[in-house]
Amino acid sequence: MAVATGPTAGGGPLGTVGAVADAFYEPDPATPNRFFSTELTRGPWSPDAQHAGPPSALLGHAIERCAPRPGFQVGRVAVEILGPVPLEPLTVRTRVVRSGRSVELIEATLSTDRGPVMQANAWRLKLADPPLDLPLEFTPSGTRPFPESAGPQQFPSNQSIGFHTGIEYRFATSSFTEPGPAVCWIRLKYPIVAGTTPSPLERTLAAADSGNGVSAVLDWSKFLFINTDLTVTLHRQPVGEWICLDAVTHPQPHGIGLAESALFDRTGPLGRSTQTLLVAPRP
């Protein structure tokens, strides 16, 4: 559980202790598209900054509500992380940049009162109706060991409450203490936005940002590997609460790295995610 960073029931100032939250974000009842960040959004290293998973999912939440069109589905979301996202109220603005009969581009911006902190572009595509008659060999297949095959693990965070306590990790291979590629299942324990059920896109964006964390190859205490972006491409929508990351991280001596994850649910492959990494010694 967490404390909302927003007005108290008695109208107190931002940042005061109010009701216990049961979601990553609480809608501001007085201002549309504005959300109070709860402690569940907190990242592992700083008490004042969010993990990029929840705000990425919040962008997805807003994108899906931007001029929705029946028979269309988001196929790709590219998130740019402009800087640390503080535990402050966030405002989301969306617009259709390019509209078309079969594809359209949506832009979303996440801002604090001091300016933008994240941006996203999403391609929304028209679904084939009727479905295309394609040979079965063109359909991705295969699964990964299910989350029931492993017990839950706790992310090694310096914070008592944060994103790591708002989700559940289950490693089918490797662990947080075992460096290298990993197969990890991730499930949200709470809604992204209070009063709503997380959509498949929200679940995927929240999980995919952990690719570089679950597959870390460098010593956490000696190196930083910070992602500047998150790109998720989905050839279908996931089914169920669990998202699986078959993840690998590639650090390079010049300080630029790449984390990539094959994404699965219980029924098989559903897409890919990538993260560009800044790799550096810890100060």
Protein backbone atom coordinates (compact mmCIF):
# COMPACT_ATOMS: atom_id res chain seq x y z
CA MET A 1 0.00 0.00 0.00
CA ALA A 2 1.15 3.58 -0.50
CA VAL A 3 0.43 7.18 0.32
CA ALA A 4 -0.88 9.41 -2.45
CA THR A 5 1.18 12.48 -3.32
CA GLY A 6 -1.74 14.86 -3.59
CA PRO A 7 -4.36 16.75 -1.60
CA THR A 8 -5.60 15.19 1.60
CA ALA A 9 -9.26 14.63 2.27
CA GLY A 10 -9.21 17.94 4.08
CA GLY A 11 -7.70 19.81 1.14
CA GLY A 12 -4.12 19.86 2.44
CA PRO A 13 -1.09 20.80 0.30
CA LEU A 14 0.62 18.49 -2.15
CA GLY A 15 2.93 15.97 -0.55
CA THR A 16 1.04 15.68 2.72
CA VAL A 17 -0.07 12.31 4.03
CA GLY A 18 -3.57 11.40 2.90
CA ALA A 19 -5.55 8.22 2.36
CA VAL A 20 -3.71 4.98 1.67
CA ALA A 21 -3.57 4.43 -2.09
CA ASP A 22 -4.35 1.22 -3.93
CA ALA A 23 -3.12 2.27 -7.38
CA PHE A 24 -0.02 3.78 -8.99
CA TYR A 25 -1.91 6.99 -9.87
CA GLU A 26 -5.00 8.72 -8.52
CA PRO A 27 -7.01 10.94 -10.91
CA ASP A 28 -7.32 14.57 -9.88
CA PRO A 29 -11.09 15.06 -9.56
CA ALA A 30 -10.72 18.79 -10.19
CA THR A 31 -8.56 18.65 -13.35
CA PRO A 32 -9.03 16.29 -16.31
CA ASN A 33 -5.93 14.39 -17.46
CA ARG A 34 -4.07 15.21 -14.24
CA PHE A 35 -2.95 12.44 -11.89
CA PHE A 36 -1.46 12.28 -8.40
CA SER A 37 1.55 9.97 -8.20
CA THR A 38 1.56 7.51 -5.29
CA GLU A 39 4.57 5.95 -3.61
CA LEU A 40 3.99 2.80 -5.66
CA THR A 41 5.57 4.63 -8.61
CA ARG A 42 8.87 5.22 -6.79
CA GLY A 43 12.00 3.83 -8.43
CA PRO A 44 14.63 1.74 -6.66
CA TRP A 45 17.39 4.32 -6.18
CA SER A 46 15.89 7.69 -5.30
CA PRO A 47 12.97 8.43 -2.93
CA ASP A 48 12.00 11.38 -5.14
CA ALA A 49 11.97 9.78 -8.63
CA GLN A 50 9.63 7.31 -10.30
CA HIS A 51 10.49 4.04 -11.99
CA ALA A 52 9.85 4.51 -15.72
CA GLY A 53 7.41 1.59 -15.85
CA PRO A 54 4.38 3.30 -14.25
CA PRO A 55 4.59 6.59 -16.23
CA SER A 56 5.10 4.59 -19.45
CA ALA A 57 1.92 2.67 -18.62
CA LEU A 58 0.15 5.96 -17.80
CA LEU A 59 1.07 7.21 -21.28
CA GLY A 60 -0.40 4.00 -22.69
CA HIS A 61 -3.54 4.56 -20.63
CA ALA A 62 -3.96 8.00 -22.21
CA ILE A 63 -3.05 6.88 -25.74
CA GLU A 64 -5.78 4.26 -25.74
CA ARG A 65 -8.31 6.92 -24.75
CA CYS A 66 -7.25 9.40 -27.44
CA ALA A 67 -10.02 9.52 -30.08
CA PRO A 68 -10.54 5.74 -29.89
CA ARG A 69 -11.60 3.97 -33.09
CA PRO A 70 -13.37 0.59 -33.12
CA GLY A 71 -11.44 -2.05 -35.02
CA PHE A 72 -8.03 -0.40 -34.40
CA GLN A 73 -5.22 -1.54 -32.11
CA VAL A 74 -1.93 -0.05 -30.93
CA GLY A 75 0.95 -1.87 -32.62
CA ARG A 76 3.92 0.12 -31.35
CA VAL A 77 4.70 2.63 -28.61
CA ALA A 78 8.01 4.51 -28.43
CA VAL A 79 8.61 6.32 -25.13
CA GLU A 80 11.33 8.97 -24.73
CA ILE A 81 12.45 9.57 -21.14
CA LEU A 82 13.39 13.25 -20.99
CA GLY A 83 14.66 13.15 -17.41
CA PRO A 84 13.82 11.82 -13.95
CA VAL A 85 10.08 11.69 -13.34
CA PRO A 86 9.44 13.19 -9.88
CA LEU A 87 6.81 11.94 -7.45
CA GLU A 88 4.57 14.88 -8.28
CA PRO A 89 1.23 15.40 -10.00
CA LEU A 90 1.44 14.58 -13.71
CA THR A 91 -0.59 15.90 -16.63
CA VAL A 92 -1.03 13.89 -19.83
CA ARG A 93 -1.78 15.53 -23.18
CA THR A 94 -2.56 13.49 -26.29
CA ARG A 95 -3.33 14.29 -29.91
CA VAL A 96 -3.68 12.47 -33.21
CA VAL A 97 -0.71 13.63 -35.27
CA ARG A 98 -1.51 11.71 -38.43
CA SER A 99 -4.96 10.25 -39.09
CA GLY A 100 -5.71 7.75 -41.82
CA ARG A 101 -8.09 5.04 -42.93
CA SER A 102 -5.75 2.22 -41.90
CA VAL A 103 -3.02 3.68 -39.69
CA GLU A 104 -2.71 6.70 -37.45
CA LEU A 105 0.00 8.24 -35.28
CA ILE A 106 -0.77 9.42 -31.74
CA GLU A 107 1.45 11.67 -29.66
CA ALA A 108 1.36 11.84 -25.86
CA THR A 109 3.27 14.08 -23.45
CA LEU A 110 3.63 13.63 -19.71
CA SER A 111 4.43 16.81 -17.76
CA THR A 112 4.86 18.17 -14.26
CA ASP A 113 4.13 21.82 -13.46
CA ARG A 114 7.74 22.51 -14.52
CA GLY A 115 7.53 20.96 -17.99
CA PRO A 116 7.60 17.68 -19.97
CA VAL A 117 9.28 14.62 -18.46
CA MET A 118 8.26 11.91 -20.97
CA GLN A 119 6.96 11.77 -24.53
CA ALA A 120 5.52 8.92 -26.57
CA ASN A 121 4.50 8.20 -30.14
CA ALA A 122 2.15 5.33 -30.89
CA TRP A 123 1.05 3.76 -34.15
CA ARG A 124 -2.54 2.55 -34.12
CA LEU A 125 -3.43 0.16 -36.94
CA LYS A 126 -6.66 -1.17 -38.39
CA LEU A 127 -7.32 -4.84 -37.70
CA ALA A 128 -8.01 -7.09 -40.67
CA ASP A 129 -11.71 -7.96 -40.90
CA PRO A 130 -12.16 -10.76 -41.72
CA PRO A 131 -8.82 -12.08 -40.41
CA LEU A 132 -6.24 -12.89 -43.05
CA ASP A 133 -5.98 -16.51 -44.14
CA LEU A 134 -2.26 -17.09 -43.48
CA PRO A 135 -0.26 -20.33 -43.25
CA LEU A 136 0.32 -21.47 -39.66
CA GLU A 137 4.11 -21.23 -40.07
CA PHE A 138 3.75 -17.44 -40.20
CA THR A 139 2.22 -17.39 -36.70
CA PRO A 140 4.83 -17.03 -33.92
CA SER A 141 4.66 -19.91 -31.47
CA GLY A 142 6.38 -21.27 -28.38
CA THR A 143 6.06 -20.53 -24.70
CA ARG A 144 8.26 -20.04 -21.65
CA PRO A 145 8.02 -21.84 -18.29
CA PHE A 146 4.99 -20.43 -16.50
CA PRO A 147 5.29 -18.19 -13.40
CA GLU A 148 4.05 -21.01 -11.15
CA SER A 149 7.36 -22.77 -11.83
CA ALA A 150 9.23 -20.25 -9.64
CA GLY A 151 8.69 -18.39 -6.40
CA PRO A 152 8.41 -14.59 -6.16
CA GLN A 153 11.56 -12.49 -5.79
CA GLN A 154 11.99 -9.04 -4.31
CA PHE A 155 13.86 -6.38 -6.27
CA PRO A 156 16.96 -5.22 -4.33
CA SER A 157 15.74 -1.68 -3.71
CA ASN A 158 16.85 0.93 -1.19
CA GLN A 159 13.21 2.04 -0.83
CA SER A 160 10.66 0.37 1.45
CA ILE A 161 7.71 1.24 -0.84
CA GLY A 162 7.91 1.64 -4.60
CA PHE A 163 7.33 0.04 -7.97
CA HIS A 164 9.04 -3.13 -6.71
CA THR A 165 6.32 -3.57 -4.08
CA GLY A 166 3.53 -2.79 -6.56
CA ILE A 167 4.39 -5.66 -8.91
CA GLU A 168 5.33 -9.33 -8.61
CA TYR A 169 8.46 -10.80 -10.23
CA ARG A 170 8.85 -14.53 -10.92
CA PHE A 171 12.04 -15.74 -12.62
CA ALA A 172 11.81 -18.87 -14.77
CA THR A 173 15.57 -18.57 -15.32
CA SER A 174 18.23 -16.50 -13.52
CA SER A 175 17.45 -14.01 -10.71
CA PHE A 176 18.25 -10.51 -9.50
CA THR A 177 21.41 -11.86 -7.85
CA GLU A 178 22.53 -13.89 -10.89
CA PRO A 179 23.85 -11.65 -13.70
CA GLY A 180 23.02 -12.37 -17.33
CA PRO A 181 20.03 -13.13 -19.55
CA ALA A 182 16.80 -13.93 -17.76
CA VAL A 183 13.26 -15.14 -18.30
CA CYS A 184 11.05 -13.24 -15.88
CA TRP A 185 7.29 -13.01 -15.47
CA ILE A 186 5.84 -9.72 -14.15
CA ARG A 187 2.34 -9.01 -12.80
CA LEU A 188 0.80 -5.76 -11.58
CA LYS A 189 -0.61 -5.97 -8.06
CA TYR A 190 -2.50 -2.69 -8.42
CA PRO A 191 -4.21 -0.71 -11.20
CA ILE A 192 -2.15 1.90 -13.02
CA VAL A 193 -5.00 4.39 -12.55
CA ALA A 194 -7.33 4.06 -9.58
CA GLY A 195 -10.83 2.95 -10.50
CA THR A 196 -9.76 1.26 -13.76
CA THR A 197 -8.64 -2.21 -14.81
CA PRO A 198 -5.17 -2.27 -16.41
CA SER A 199 -5.41 -2.83 -20.15
CA PRO A 200 -3.13 -5.32 -21.94
CA LEU A 201 -1.09 -2.37 -23.27
CA GLU A 202 -0.70 -0.86 -19.79
CA ARG A 203 0.45 -4.21 -18.37
CA THR A 204 2.98 -4.63 -21.16
CA LEU A 205 4.47 -1.13 -20.91
CA ALA A 206 4.76 -1.38 -17.13
CA ALA A 207 6.58 -4.72 -17.39
CA ALA A 208 8.77 -4.05 -20.43
CA ASP A 209 10.70 -1.23 -18.77
CA SER A 210 12.20 -3.84 -16.41
CA GLY A 211 14.09 -5.62 -19.20
CA ASN A 212 17.44 -4.03 -18.34
CA GLY A 213 16.87 -4.70 -14.63
CA VAL A 214 16.00 -8.39 -14.77
CA SER A 215 18.84 -9.15 -17.24
CA ALA A 216 21.56 -6.98 -15.69
CA VAL A 217 25.08 -8.23 -16.43
CA LEU A 218 27.06 -5.61 -14.48
CA ASP A 219 27.46 -5.19 -10.73
CA TRP A 220 24.60 -2.98 -9.46
CA SER A 221 26.87 -1.44 -6.84
CA LYS A 222 29.55 -0.42 -9.37
CA PHE A 223 27.68 0.56 -12.55
CA LEU A 224 24.70 2.58 -13.74
CA PHE A 225 22.76 1.34 -16.77
CA ILE A 226 20.00 3.88 -17.30
CA ASN A 227 17.54 3.56 -20.18
CA THR A 228 16.80 6.72 -22.14
CA ASP A 229 13.82 5.21 -23.93
CA LEU A 230 11.47 2.25 -24.23
CA THR A 231 10.10 0.90 -27.51
CA VAL A 232 7.44 -1.81 -27.45
CA THR A 233 6.14 -3.46 -30.63
CA LEU A 234 3.19 -5.81 -30.33
CA HIS A 235 1.90 -8.11 -33.05
CA ARG A 236 -0.99 -9.05 -30.77
CA GLN A 237 -2.46 -8.07 -27.42
CA PRO A 238 -1.40 -10.09 -24.37
CA VAL A 239 -3.90 -12.25 -22.52
CA GLY A 240 -4.04 -12.44 -18.74
CA GLU A 241 -2.26 -10.64 -15.89
CA TRP A 242 1.27 -11.98 -16.44
CA ILE A 243 3.78 -10.59 -18.96
CA CYS A 244 6.97 -12.57 -19.61
CA LEU A 245 10.29 -10.94 -20.55
CA ASP A 246 12.94 -13.15 -22.16
CA ALA A 247 15.54 -10.45 -21.70
CA VAL A 248 19.21 -9.85 -22.47
CA THR A 249 21.43 -6.80 -21.89
CA HIS A 250 24.41 -5.84 -24.09
CA PRO A 251 26.72 -3.26 -22.43
CA GLN A 252 29.63 -1.90 -24.47
CA PRO A 253 33.00 -0.39 -23.39
CA HIS A 254 32.15 2.98 -24.98
CA GLY A 255 29.25 3.40 -22.53
CA ILE A 256 26.23 2.72 -24.77
CA GLY A 257 24.24 -0.45 -24.32
CA LEU A 258 21.08 -2.19 -25.43
CA ALA A 259 18.51 -4.24 -23.54
CA GLU A 260 16.09 -6.29 -25.61
CA SER A 261 13.24 -8.53 -24.53
CA ALA A 262 11.10 -11.04 -26.35
CA LEU A 263 7.62 -10.63 -24.87
CA PHE A 264 5.32 -13.55 -24.05
CA ASP A 265 2.13 -14.43 -22.27
CA ARG A 266 0.86 -17.89 -21.40
CA THR A 267 -0.29 -18.52 -24.96
CA GLY A 268 2.99 -17.61 -26.68
CA PRO A 269 4.97 -14.70 -28.22
CA LEU A 270 3.34 -11.29 -28.48
CA GLY A 271 6.11 -8.83 -29.41
CA ARG A 272 9.47 -7.23 -28.60
CA SER A 273 10.81 -4.38 -26.51
CA THR A 274 14.12 -2.50 -26.58
CA GLN A 275 15.85 0.02 -24.35
CA THR A 276 18.85 2.21 -25.17
CA LEU A 277 21.21 2.30 -22.17
CA LEU A 278 23.69 4.79 -20.80
CA VAL A 279 26.33 2.66 -19.06
CA ALA A 280 28.68 4.37 -16.59
CA PRO A 281 30.55 3.77 -13.32
CA ARG A 282 28.67 4.82 -10.23
CA PRO A 283 29.99 8.08 -8.82
